[in-house]
Structures are given as C-alpha cells and as structure tokens.
C-alpha cells in the first residue's frame, strides 16, 4: 500500500504515456518531458502563491499583528487578488530605455529559476530530468541570473537601477563562490555530480534512528550552514536584501518595472529560493529519505516537501527577526569568513574520509573546522574597530 502511494505520480505519468504506446520514441520522449514541465510549473507556481500569503501571515504573527485576512477565508485568496492587480496594472517603460533588453530581463531571470528546479529529486524515481552532471547544470543555469539582473539595470536607463544592479551582481558573485565550494565536499565524498547518486549515498541509518545524512557530520553541518547563508544572499532575502534597499536606492534593478514584469521578478525570487532550498535538502538533508527507519512507510515526496517547508519557514523567520546589513559588511563577511570556511569544509571532508568515516574521522574533522574557525575569529575580531560611542549635545 505504501509503495503504491509512493509511486502514484510515476504510475499516473506512465498511464498518460500509455496512450502513445504506438507512437515513435521521439514523440513519447517529448510528451514525457512536457508532462514533467507541466507538473513542475503546477506544483511550484501553487507553492509560490501559497508562500506569498503564508509569509505575510507568519510575519504578522511574529510582529503581533494581523496578516492578510480580507480576501477569501482567512485571507487565503490574497494571491489571486495580487495576481489580478498585477495583470491589470499599466506597464510603464521609460521613454529612453532599451526596450528589448528591458523586456527580456524578467523573462530570463524567471526562466533560469524554473530550469534549476528540473534536476532535483523530489521523491523516489521522481527526478524530472535525471542527468549525470545535474549539480553542474544547476549552477551553470543559476549563474545566468547575474546577466538578467545586469540587463534589468542597464535596460532601464536609470542610475538607481544601474547602481542597484551592480550592487546585486557584486553581492551575488561574492556569495556564489562559497555556495559552489560548499558543494565540493559532497561531490568528493560521493564521487558523482548526479543529485540521484548524492541522495542514494545518504541512505541508511545507524541504530535505526541516526540517518546517514551529510549534515550529521561536522564538515556537512558547517557546509550546510554556509550553503544556507549563501542561499539567503543569492535569493536577495533579509538580512542580505541590499540590492533593493528602498531607503537607499528605491527598488534597485527593479525600479523601472511595474505590473506583470515586476511580478515576474518577484516570482523568480521565490522560485530561486525554492531551488536553493531544494538543493540544500538534496545535498545535506538526505533528499527524500525519512529521518528514522521506522517512518519509511510515509511517501518519499512527503519527506522532501516537509524538509523544504522547514527551510522556507526559516527563511521567513530570519526575515522577521534580523535587520538589513550594510553592503560593506556583507562583502567583508563573504571574502574574509565565508570563503575560507568553505575551503576548510573540503579539507575537513577529506580528513573525515581518509580517517575511515568513523568516530575518529568525525573528531578529526571537527578539530580542523574548530581550529580554522578560532583563527578566523581572532583575526577578524571587529570589536577593536568600534570605540565606545559618546553622545554630545549642543548647549
């Protein structure tokens, strides 16, 4: 029963393809890809609509106020109202803007975010496009986001937009390095770039209750934290949302966008957040595997989306808790702390592997990470840069 429930979507797809049993192979492959694409868009556009209202309600709860509660029961139809509003708003394009570039930027940034979702395993046998170099594909596609942001800033012919775009690109490139480098230990330990192989390598339990997820190792825990923080920056989420710091540069590279084009940028930000969180689940949190052996009867996709939901809640929690940081603090943090710690994770993973992947390897790996962390803490001690603040009043 549990297996039939686990594979229900796979069987539904096979039933749909059975209607083309006499068709040529190339047509069946195209139909299979179109079904995968339709399923991806259906699931994640629904999740985008849901998270857009849930985020506001959760933030309202954290800040002791009501969230949206007027449109539909409990305000759940708010995304429908927002979508209609964005569709009917006038699309204003600056007279001296580069209209082609201005038009293509939101399309490109949304397309790259959606493409990145295609290689993530959402359950047992539920990878939409299983390719050997899936991790490489994810980052290759994701890196075109910088181009789309630059197109938005340049095409708007606005100094605020251009300044916001350059800040966003500087920030994204700085944090893309630790984001990619923290995946190296996982790829090295597994020996493959395939997301399916990475999930398979995290199968099994110690004593039936301790999962063999990479996050349970010292190097995996450190790499996961670094990956998650880098994901916050790549998604332009608080406290790293300076590219659209409204108190400084209006709305950054989106200043000259309105209506549905602005909504497309907004959607791409959330879908990028889903993709980064999904990859974090795949790399460090065991993918679709259950946390303990006794719960494996629950369908695999339930575990994946459960873990994804927890990470998305933490994104919202951070937004409701922390203030925005300055751009110089963000850049210093990336180059002086995140990057050295990301390289340390590679060394710690190698030590863990060659020490036998047992208790000795666990301890040696922890020792390497602790040593580098302490050294960086001493070298980067910021307390000495700030003197005691003295207030002076005019007499």
Protein backbone atom coordinates (compact mmCIF):
# COMPACT_ATOMS: atom_id res chain seq x y z
CA UNK A 1 0.00 0.00 0.00
CA UNK A 2 2.75 2.45 0.98
CA UNK A 3 4.72 1.65 -2.19
CA UNK A 4 1.67 2.24 -4.39
CA UNK A 5 1.10 5.60 -2.67
CA UNK A 6 4.79 6.47 -3.00
CA UNK A 7 4.79 5.80 -6.76
CA UNK A 8 1.31 7.13 -7.52
CA UNK A 9 2.58 10.06 -9.62
CA UNK A 10 5.00 7.84 -11.55
CA UNK A 11 2.16 5.45 -12.39
CA UNK A 12 -0.11 8.33 -13.38
CA UNK A 13 2.56 9.53 -15.81
CA UNK A 14 3.01 6.00 -17.21
CA UNK A 15 -0.77 5.76 -17.70
CA UNK A 16 -0.79 9.04 -19.64
CA UNK A 17 2.12 7.87 -21.81
CA UNK A 18 0.38 4.54 -22.46
CA UNK A 19 -1.97 6.45 -24.75
CA UNK A 20 1.06 6.99 -27.03
CA UNK A 21 2.23 3.36 -26.97
CA UNK A 22 2.16 3.11 -30.78
CA UNK A 23 3.84 6.50 -31.32
CA UNK A 24 7.53 6.86 -32.26
CA UNK A 25 10.08 7.06 -29.41
CA UNK A 26 10.94 10.71 -30.01
CA UNK A 27 7.29 11.72 -29.59
CA UNK A 28 7.00 9.73 -26.33
CA UNK A 29 10.15 11.43 -25.00
CA UNK A 30 8.77 14.88 -25.87
CA UNK A 31 5.43 14.02 -24.23
CA UNK A 32 7.25 12.74 -21.12
CA UNK A 33 9.25 15.98 -20.87
CA UNK A 34 6.11 18.11 -21.32
CA UNK A 35 4.36 16.19 -18.51
CA UNK A 36 7.37 16.80 -16.24
CA UNK A 37 7.41 20.51 -17.09
CA UNK A 38 3.66 20.87 -16.52
CA UNK A 39 3.94 19.11 -13.14
CA UNK A 40 6.88 21.31 -12.07
CA UNK A 41 5.10 24.53 -13.05
CA UNK A 42 1.85 23.42 -11.44
CA UNK A 43 3.45 22.47 -8.12
CA UNK A 44 5.83 25.41 -7.74
CA UNK A 45 3.52 28.14 -9.01
CA UNK A 46 0.95 26.89 -6.48
CA UNK A 47 3.65 26.85 -3.80
CA UNK A 48 4.64 30.41 -4.79
CA UNK A 49 1.04 31.61 -4.40
CA UNK A 50 0.76 29.81 -1.06
CA UNK A 51 4.08 31.04 0.37
CA UNK A 52 3.33 34.64 -0.68
CA UNK A 53 0.30 34.74 1.63
CA UNK A 54 1.74 32.47 4.35
CA UNK A 55 4.86 34.62 4.62
CA UNK A 56 2.79 37.72 5.31
CA UNK A 57 0.64 35.85 7.85
CA UNK A 58 3.68 34.34 9.62
CA UNK A 59 5.46 37.72 9.72
CA UNK A 60 2.26 39.27 11.07
CA UNK A 61 2.11 36.62 13.82
CA UNK A 62 5.77 37.27 14.72
CA UNK A 63 5.18 41.04 14.86
CA UNK A 64 1.92 40.77 16.86
CA UNK A 65 -0.39 41.97 14.06
CA UNK A 66 -2.82 40.52 11.54
CA UNK A 67 -1.64 39.40 8.14
CA UNK A 68 -3.91 39.41 5.07
CA UNK A 69 -7.41 38.47 6.30
CA UNK A 70 -9.89 40.18 3.97
CA UNK A 71 -9.82 38.28 0.64
CA UNK A 72 -11.45 34.87 0.97
CA UNK A 73 -11.50 32.65 4.08
CA UNK A 74 -8.60 33.61 6.38
CA UNK A 75 -7.20 35.78 3.55
CA UNK A 76 -6.14 32.71 1.51
CA UNK A 77 -7.34 34.23 -1.78
CA UNK A 78 -4.96 37.17 -1.41
CA UNK A 79 -2.56 35.75 -4.10
CA UNK A 80 -5.47 35.72 -6.59
CA UNK A 81 -6.19 39.40 -5.85
CA UNK A 82 -2.48 40.25 -6.14
CA UNK A 83 -2.22 38.40 -9.47
CA UNK A 84 -5.25 40.20 -10.93
CA UNK A 85 -3.90 43.55 -9.69
CA UNK A 86 -0.50 42.94 -11.31
CA UNK A 87 -2.11 41.84 -14.61
CA UNK A 88 -4.28 44.94 -14.98
CA UNK A 89 -1.69 47.50 -13.84
CA UNK A 90 -0.26 49.66 -16.60
CA UNK A 91 3.12 48.52 -17.94
CA UNK A 92 5.22 51.69 -17.92
CA UNK A 93 8.52 51.64 -19.83
CA UNK A 94 10.86 54.67 -19.64
CA UNK A 95 10.95 56.60 -22.92
CA UNK A 96 14.74 56.32 -23.28
CA UNK A 97 15.07 52.73 -22.03
CA UNK A 98 16.45 49.93 -24.18
CA UNK A 99 13.03 48.36 -24.70
CA UNK A 100 14.19 44.92 -25.91
CA UNK A 101 16.64 44.43 -23.04
CA UNK A 102 14.12 45.88 -20.57
CA UNK A 103 11.52 43.34 -21.77
CA UNK A 104 13.82 40.29 -21.82
CA UNK A 105 15.33 40.71 -18.32
CA UNK A 106 12.34 39.45 -16.27
CA UNK A 107 11.75 36.58 -18.72
CA UNK A 108 15.37 35.42 -18.47
CA UNK A 109 15.53 35.62 -14.67
CA UNK A 110 12.29 33.61 -14.31
CA UNK A 111 13.32 31.02 -16.93
CA UNK A 112 16.67 30.32 -15.23
CA UNK A 113 15.00 29.90 -11.82
CA UNK A 114 12.48 27.41 -13.26
CA UNK A 115 15.17 25.47 -15.17
CA UNK A 116 17.13 24.93 -11.94
CA UNK A 117 14.14 23.04 -10.47
CA UNK A 118 14.40 20.35 -13.14
CA UNK A 119 17.31 18.33 -11.71
CA UNK A 120 16.18 17.99 -8.08
CA UNK A 121 14.91 14.55 -6.92
CA UNK A 122 11.51 15.20 -5.30
CA UNK A 123 10.94 11.57 -4.31
CA UNK A 124 11.86 8.01 -5.22
CA UNK A 125 12.07 7.89 -9.07
CA UNK A 126 10.77 11.48 -9.15
CA UNK A 127 13.63 13.45 -10.73
CA UNK A 128 12.09 15.41 -13.65
CA UNK A 129 15.33 15.42 -15.69
CA UNK A 130 17.93 12.99 -14.34
CA UNK A 131 21.31 13.96 -15.81
CA UNK A 132 24.76 12.87 -14.67
CA UNK A 133 26.04 16.43 -14.27
CA UNK A 134 22.93 17.72 -12.52
CA UNK A 135 24.80 19.78 -9.91
CA UNK A 136 26.92 21.37 -12.65
CA UNK A 137 23.77 22.15 -14.66
CA UNK A 138 22.14 23.77 -11.60
CA UNK A 139 24.99 26.23 -11.09
CA UNK A 140 25.53 26.83 -14.81
CA UNK A 141 21.89 27.85 -15.19
CA UNK A 142 21.82 29.75 -11.90
CA UNK A 143 24.84 31.86 -12.83
CA UNK A 144 22.89 33.48 -15.69
CA UNK A 145 20.84 35.33 -13.03
CA UNK A 146 23.61 37.93 -12.84
CA UNK A 147 23.22 38.58 -16.57
CA UNK A 148 19.46 39.08 -16.20
CA UNK A 149 19.97 41.49 -13.28
CA UNK A 150 22.51 43.49 -15.31
CA UNK A 151 20.09 43.58 -18.26
CA UNK A 152 17.38 44.97 -15.96
CA UNK A 153 19.69 47.71 -14.63
CA UNK A 154 21.20 48.63 -17.99
CA UNK A 155 17.98 48.42 -19.99
CA UNK A 156 16.13 50.76 -17.60
CA UNK A 157 18.44 53.70 -18.38
CA UNK A 158 18.20 54.81 -14.75
CA UNK A 159 21.09 55.47 -12.38
CA UNK A 160 19.27 53.99 -9.39
CA UNK A 161 18.57 50.83 -11.40
CA UNK A 162 22.16 50.55 -12.62
CA UNK A 163 23.57 51.14 -9.13
CA UNK A 164 21.21 48.53 -7.70
CA UNK A 165 22.16 46.06 -10.44
CA UNK A 166 25.89 46.48 -9.81
CA UNK A 167 25.40 46.02 -6.06
CA UNK A 168 23.33 42.91 -6.69
CA UNK A 169 25.90 41.43 -9.09
CA UNK A 170 28.83 42.15 -6.73
CA UNK A 171 26.93 40.52 -3.86
CA UNK A 172 25.77 37.51 -5.89
CA UNK A 173 29.21 36.74 -7.36
CA UNK A 174 30.82 37.07 -3.91
CA UNK A 175 28.44 34.53 -2.37
CA UNK A 176 28.24 32.23 -5.39
CA UNK A 177 31.82 31.17 -4.64
CA UNK A 178 31.11 29.77 -1.13
CA UNK A 179 27.77 28.42 -2.41
CA UNK A 180 29.54 26.34 -5.08
CA UNK A 181 32.59 25.46 -2.96
CA UNK A 182 30.42 24.03 -0.15
CA UNK A 183 29.04 21.51 -2.65
CA UNK A 184 32.57 20.22 -3.41
CA UNK A 185 32.88 18.10 -0.21
CA UNK A 186 29.61 16.31 -1.03
CA UNK A 187 30.65 15.70 -4.65
CA UNK A 188 34.10 14.48 -3.49
CA UNK A 189 32.71 12.09 -0.87
CA UNK A 190 30.02 10.68 -3.20
CA UNK A 191 32.19 10.72 -6.32
CA UNK A 192 29.37 11.90 -8.58
CA UNK A 193 27.67 15.09 -9.80
CA UNK A 194 24.28 13.40 -10.07
CA UNK A 195 21.67 14.52 -7.49
CA UNK A 196 20.20 10.99 -7.51
CA UNK A 197 23.60 9.49 -6.61
CA UNK A 198 24.03 12.05 -3.81
CA UNK A 199 20.63 11.16 -2.31
CA UNK A 200 21.38 7.43 -2.65
CA UNK A 201 24.69 7.92 -0.78
CA UNK A 202 22.76 9.26 2.24
CA UNK A 203 20.60 6.14 2.57
CA UNK A 204 20.78 4.01 5.72
CA UNK A 205 20.67 4.53 9.50
CA UNK A 206 22.88 3.90 12.50
CA UNK A 207 20.95 2.00 15.22
CA UNK A 208 17.82 2.58 13.09
CA UNK A 209 17.43 6.19 14.29
CA UNK A 210 20.50 8.20 13.22
CA UNK A 211 20.30 8.89 9.46
CA UNK A 212 23.44 8.85 7.31
CA UNK A 213 22.77 12.39 6.09
CA UNK A 214 25.83 14.52 5.42
CA UNK A 215 24.53 17.20 7.80
CA UNK A 216 25.21 14.77 10.70
CA UNK A 217 28.99 15.05 10.04
CA UNK A 218 31.00 18.11 11.22
CA UNK A 219 32.01 19.11 7.68
CA UNK A 220 28.45 18.55 6.44
CA UNK A 221 26.90 20.67 9.20
CA UNK A 222 29.38 23.52 8.57
CA UNK A 223 28.92 23.29 4.78
CA UNK A 224 25.12 23.26 5.18
CA UNK A 225 25.16 26.45 7.30
CA UNK A 226 27.47 28.19 4.81
CA UNK A 227 25.31 26.97 1.90
CA UNK A 228 22.12 28.19 3.59
CA UNK A 229 23.57 31.66 4.32
CA UNK A 230 24.85 31.92 0.73
CA UNK A 231 21.38 30.89 -0.44
CA UNK A 232 19.88 33.77 1.55
CA UNK A 233 22.17 36.18 -0.32
CA UNK A 234 21.54 34.62 -3.75
CA UNK A 235 17.80 34.92 -3.15
CA UNK A 236 18.17 38.59 -2.06
CA UNK A 237 16.48 37.77 1.23
CA UNK A 238 16.73 39.65 4.53
CA UNK A 239 19.23 40.43 6.03
CA UNK A 240 21.04 40.49 2.67
CA UNK A 241 18.45 42.35 0.57
CA UNK A 242 20.57 45.45 -0.04
CA UNK A 243 20.17 45.35 -3.87
CA UNK A 244 16.62 46.57 -3.32
CA UNK A 245 17.23 48.65 -0.19
CA UNK A 246 14.30 51.07 -0.56
CA UNK A 247 15.84 53.59 1.85
CA UNK A 248 18.95 53.91 -0.34
CA UNK A 249 18.25 53.07 -4.00
CA UNK A 250 14.43 52.81 -4.31
CA UNK A 251 13.95 49.22 -5.58
CA UNK A 252 17.36 48.50 -7.10
CA UNK A 253 17.34 46.97 -10.57
CA UNK A 254 13.51 46.69 -10.43
CA UNK A 255 12.91 50.44 -10.00
CA UNK A 256 11.59 50.97 -13.54
CA UNK A 257 9.43 47.85 -13.64
CA UNK A 258 5.71 47.79 -12.96
CA UNK A 259 2.74 45.49 -13.40
CA UNK A 260 3.34 41.93 -14.50
CA UNK A 261 7.05 42.45 -15.23
CA UNK A 262 7.60 43.38 -11.58
CA UNK A 263 5.51 40.37 -10.54
CA UNK A 264 7.78 38.15 -12.70
CA UNK A 265 10.86 39.40 -10.79
CA UNK A 266 9.02 38.77 -7.53
CA UNK A 267 8.09 35.24 -8.64
CA UNK A 268 11.65 34.48 -9.82
CA UNK A 269 13.00 35.45 -6.38
CA UNK A 270 10.73 32.93 -4.68
CA UNK A 271 11.29 30.15 -7.23
CA UNK A 272 15.05 30.70 -6.84
CA UNK A 273 14.52 30.33 -3.09
CA UNK A 274 12.69 27.02 -3.69
CA UNK A 275 15.51 25.79 -5.94
CA UNK A 276 18.30 26.67 -3.49
CA UNK A 277 16.38 25.12 -0.58
CA UNK A 278 15.64 22.01 -2.65
CA UNK A 279 19.31 21.62 -3.49
CA UNK A 280 20.23 22.05 0.21
CA UNK A 281 17.79 19.23 1.08
CA UNK A 282 19.33 17.05 -1.65
CA UNK A 283 22.97 17.72 -0.72
CA UNK A 284 22.86 17.71 3.09
CA UNK A 285 19.47 16.61 4.46
CA UNK A 286 19.15 13.21 2.82
CA UNK A 287 16.85 14.29 -0.01
CA UNK A 288 13.62 12.29 0.14
CA UNK A 289 14.85 9.80 2.79
CA UNK A 290 12.95 9.55 6.09
CA UNK A 291 14.71 10.80 9.28
CA UNK A 292 14.34 7.42 11.03
CA UNK A 293 13.93 3.88 9.69
CA UNK A 294 10.51 3.37 11.29
CA UNK A 295 8.95 6.21 9.25
CA UNK A 296 9.94 4.95 5.79
CA UNK A 297 6.34 3.88 5.12
CA UNK A 298 5.45 7.58 4.58
CA UNK A 299 5.76 8.51 0.86
CA UNK A 300 9.18 9.87 -0.11
CA UNK A 301 7.86 13.10 -1.65
CA UNK A 302 6.17 13.96 1.68
CA UNK A 303 9.58 13.90 3.38
CA UNK A 304 11.16 16.05 0.67
CA UNK A 305 8.49 18.75 0.79
CA UNK A 306 8.41 18.56 4.59
CA UNK A 307 12.13 19.38 4.75
CA UNK A 308 11.69 22.06 2.08
CA UNK A 309 8.88 23.65 4.12
CA UNK A 310 11.08 23.80 7.22
CA UNK A 311 13.84 25.60 5.30
CA UNK A 312 11.32 28.04 3.80
CA UNK A 313 9.95 28.75 7.29
CA UNK A 314 13.50 29.54 8.48
CA UNK A 315 13.87 31.98 5.54
CA UNK A 316 10.70 33.75 6.73
CA UNK A 317 11.78 33.59 10.38
CA UNK A 318 15.13 35.24 9.55
CA UNK A 319 13.31 37.97 7.60
CA UNK A 320 11.08 38.73 10.57
CA UNK A 321 14.00 38.79 13.03
CA UNK A 322 17.12 40.41 11.58
CA UNK A 323 17.69 43.95 10.30
CA UNK A 324 19.27 44.66 6.92
CA UNK A 325 23.08 44.68 6.89
CA UNK A 326 25.31 47.21 5.16
CA UNK A 327 26.83 46.31 1.78
CA UNK A 328 30.42 46.60 3.11
CA UNK A 329 29.61 44.23 5.98
CA UNK A 330 28.12 41.72 3.55
CA UNK A 331 31.18 41.80 1.27
CA UNK A 332 33.64 41.54 4.18
CA UNK A 333 31.73 38.57 5.57
CA UNK A 334 31.85 36.79 2.19
CA UNK A 335 35.54 37.20 1.37
CA UNK A 336 37.07 37.14 4.87
CA UNK A 337 34.97 34.46 6.58
CA UNK A 338 32.65 32.51 4.27
CA UNK A 339 35.24 31.71 1.60
CA UNK A 340 38.00 30.45 3.98
CA UNK A 341 35.45 28.36 5.89
CA UNK A 342 34.11 26.89 2.63
CA UNK A 343 37.63 25.75 1.66
CA UNK A 344 38.08 24.37 5.20
CA UNK A 345 34.99 22.18 4.67
CA UNK A 346 36.78 20.49 1.74
CA UNK A 347 39.82 19.71 3.92
CA UNK A 348 37.59 18.53 6.80
CA UNK A 349 35.65 16.22 4.44
CA UNK A 350 38.93 14.75 3.13
CA UNK A 351 40.15 14.16 6.71
CA UNK A 352 36.82 12.51 7.59
CA UNK A 353 37.02 10.25 4.53
CA UNK A 354 40.64 9.14 4.92
CA UNK A 355 40.28 8.65 8.70
CA UNK A 356 37.73 5.92 7.97
CA UNK A 357 34.41 7.80 8.15
CA UNK A 358 34.04 6.63 11.77
CA UNK A 359 34.26 8.29 15.18
CA UNK A 360 37.97 9.13 14.67
CA UNK A 361 37.21 10.81 11.33
CA UNK A 362 34.31 12.69 12.93
CA UNK A 363 36.56 14.07 15.70
CA UNK A 364 39.47 14.96 13.39
CA UNK A 365 37.08 16.71 11.01
CA UNK A 366 35.59 18.70 13.91
CA UNK A 367 39.10 19.63 15.10
CA UNK A 368 40.07 21.03 11.66
CA UNK A 369 36.91 23.15 11.46
CA UNK A 370 37.23 24.40 15.04
CA UNK A 371 40.88 25.38 14.55
CA UNK A 372 40.19 27.45 11.42
CA UNK A 373 37.08 29.00 12.98
CA UNK A 374 39.02 30.11 16.08
CA UNK A 375 41.87 31.54 13.95
CA UNK A 376 39.40 33.50 11.78
CA UNK A 377 37.55 34.74 14.89
CA UNK A 378 40.81 36.13 16.30
CA UNK A 379 41.95 37.67 13.01
CA UNK A 380 38.56 39.19 12.21
CA UNK A 381 37.76 40.49 15.69
CA UNK A 382 35.61 43.54 14.91
CA UNK A 383 35.27 44.84 18.46
CA UNK A 384 38.56 46.71 18.23
CA UNK A 385 37.25 48.74 15.25
CA UNK A 386 34.41 50.29 17.22
CA UNK A 387 35.18 52.74 20.01
CA UNK A 388 32.69 53.42 22.78
CA UNK A 389 30.03 55.75 21.41
CA UNK A 390 29.95 59.15 23.11
CA UNK A 391 26.87 61.37 22.74
CA UNK A 392 27.42 65.12 22.62
CA UNK A 393 24.57 67.57 22.88
CA UNK A 394 24.53 71.22 21.81
CA UNK A 395 24.30 73.61 24.74
